[in-house]
């Protein structure tokens, strides 16, 4: 789609068509700068997950049991 609404484009409007390529057929796609493949190895593997804390902290359970309000 051509959004160039300059004076030359407007004055030449009777001589062109909406189906005119206007240079779109001269566009080209450049190659990739880098490949997107990931190497399968140690760096892409997940570390083993180890639980360092209990699911519910005991301090929270103690606060829930306190009835001194």
C-alpha atoms as a PDB file:
ATOM      1  CA  UNK A   1       0.000   0.000   0.000  1.00  0.00           C
ATOM      2  CA  UNK A   2       1.422   3.349  -0.982  1.00  0.00           C
ATOM      3  CA  UNK A   3       0.847   6.060   1.604  1.00  0.00           C
ATOM      4  CA  UNK A   4       2.983   8.647  -0.219  1.00  0.00           C
ATOM      5  CA  UNK A   5       0.519  11.520  -0.699  1.00  0.00           C
ATOM      6  CA  UNK A   6       3.046  14.066  -1.961  1.00  0.00           C
ATOM      7  CA  UNK A   7       2.307  16.659  -4.652  1.00  0.00           C
ATOM      8  CA  UNK A   8       3.856  14.599  -7.456  1.00  0.00           C
ATOM      9  CA  UNK A   9       1.778  11.563  -6.524  1.00  0.00           C
ATOM     10  CA  UNK A  10      -1.466  13.550  -6.387  1.00  0.00           C
ATOM     11  CA  UNK A  11      -0.830  15.420  -9.653  1.00  0.00           C
ATOM     12  CA  UNK A  12       0.061  12.158 -11.441  1.00  0.00           C
ATOM     13  CA  UNK A  13      -3.010  10.325 -10.096  1.00  0.00           C
ATOM     14  CA  UNK A  14      -4.904  10.246 -13.442  1.00  0.00           C
ATOM     15  CA  UNK A  15      -1.955   8.454 -15.059  1.00  0.00           C
ATOM     16  CA  UNK A  16      -1.602   5.623 -12.555  1.00  0.00           C
ATOM     17  CA  UNK A  17      -3.818   2.836 -11.275  1.00  0.00           C
ATOM     18  CA  UNK A  18      -4.540   1.396  -7.845  1.00  0.00           C
ATOM     19  CA  UNK A  19      -3.252  -1.900  -9.251  1.00  0.00           C
ATOM     20  CA  UNK A  20       0.170  -0.393 -10.070  1.00  0.00           C
ATOM     21  CA  UNK A  21       2.975  -2.111  -8.121  1.00  0.00           C
ATOM     22  CA  UNK A  22       4.727   1.235  -7.353  1.00  0.00           C
ATOM     23  CA  UNK A  23       8.042  -0.570  -6.741  1.00  0.00           C
ATOM     24  CA  UNK A  24       6.663  -3.311  -4.510  1.00  0.00           C
ATOM     25  CA  UNK A  25       7.910  -5.903  -7.018  1.00  0.00           C
ATOM     26  CA  UNK A  26      11.497  -4.674  -6.423  1.00  0.00           C
ATOM     27  CA  UNK A  27      11.449  -5.481  -2.697  1.00  0.00           C
ATOM     28  CA  UNK A  28      13.513  -8.402  -1.475  1.00  0.00           C
ATOM     29  CA  UNK A  29      13.988 -10.208   1.777  1.00  0.00           C
ATOM     30  CA  UNK A  30      17.457 -10.270   3.295  1.00  0.00           C
ATOM     31  CA  UNK A  31      18.922 -13.396   4.785  1.00  0.00           C
ATOM     32  CA  UNK A  32      18.866 -14.118   8.498  1.00  0.00           C
ATOM     33  CA  UNK A  33      21.655 -12.605  10.564  1.00  0.00           C
ATOM     34  CA  UNK A  34      21.748 -15.684  12.796  1.00  0.00           C
ATOM     35  CA  UNK A  35      20.025 -19.032  12.903  1.00  0.00           C
ATOM     36  CA  UNK A  36      17.283 -19.649  15.432  1.00  0.00           C
ATOM     37  CA  UNK A  37      18.224 -23.228  16.242  1.00  0.00           C
ATOM     38  CA  UNK A  38      19.188 -23.988  19.833  1.00  0.00           C
ATOM     39  CA  UNK A  39      21.955 -26.422  20.555  1.00  0.00           C
ATOM     40  CA  UNK A  40      20.780 -29.284  22.722  1.00  0.00           C
ATOM     41  CA  UNK A  41      23.227 -29.571  25.579  1.00  0.00           C
ATOM     42  CA  UNK A  42      23.907 -28.919  29.223  1.00  0.00           C
ATOM     43  CA  UNK A  43      23.123 -25.197  29.007  1.00  0.00           C
ATOM     44  CA  UNK A  44      19.587 -25.726  27.687  1.00  0.00           C
ATOM     45  CA  UNK A  45      18.554 -28.394  30.190  1.00  0.00           C
ATOM     46  CA  UNK A  46      16.589 -27.541  33.315  1.00  0.00           C
ATOM     47  CA  UNK A  47      18.356 -27.853  36.624  1.00  0.00           C
ATOM     48  CA  UNK A  48      16.897 -30.419  39.004  1.00  0.00           C
ATOM     49  CA  UNK A  49      14.409 -28.745  41.271  1.00  0.00           C
ATOM     50  CA  UNK A  50      14.882 -29.284  44.997  1.00  0.00           C
ATOM     51  CA  UNK A  51      12.460 -27.978  47.595  1.00  0.00           C
ATOM     52  CA  UNK A  52      14.399 -25.794  50.042  1.00  0.00           C
ATOM     53  CA  UNK A  53      11.465 -24.771  52.243  1.00  0.00           C
ATOM     54  CA  UNK A  54       8.392 -26.595  53.402  1.00  0.00           C
ATOM     55  CA  UNK A  55       5.192 -25.904  51.531  1.00  0.00           C
ATOM     56  CA  UNK A  56       3.733 -23.947  54.450  1.00  0.00           C
ATOM     57  CA  UNK A  57       6.120 -22.176  56.783  1.00  0.00           C
ATOM     58  CA  UNK A  58       5.653 -23.393  60.399  1.00  0.00           C
ATOM     59  CA  UNK A  59       5.560 -19.770  61.603  1.00  0.00           C
ATOM     60  CA  UNK A  60       2.401 -19.255  59.564  1.00  0.00           C
ATOM     61  CA  UNK A  61       0.790 -22.285  61.176  1.00  0.00           C
ATOM     62  CA  UNK A  62       1.772 -20.981  64.631  1.00  0.00           C
ATOM     63  CA  UNK A  63       0.162 -17.605  63.894  1.00  0.00           C
ATOM     64  CA  UNK A  64      -2.980 -19.385  62.736  1.00  0.00           C
ATOM     65  CA  UNK A  65      -3.177 -21.339  66.009  1.00  0.00           C
ATOM     66  CA  UNK A  66      -2.769 -18.273  68.250  1.00  0.00           C
ATOM     67  CA  UNK A  67      -6.084 -17.398  69.860  1.00  0.00           C
ATOM     68  CA  UNK A  68      -5.006 -14.460  72.041  1.00  0.00           C
ATOM     69  CA  UNK A  69      -6.888 -11.723  70.263  1.00  0.00           C
END
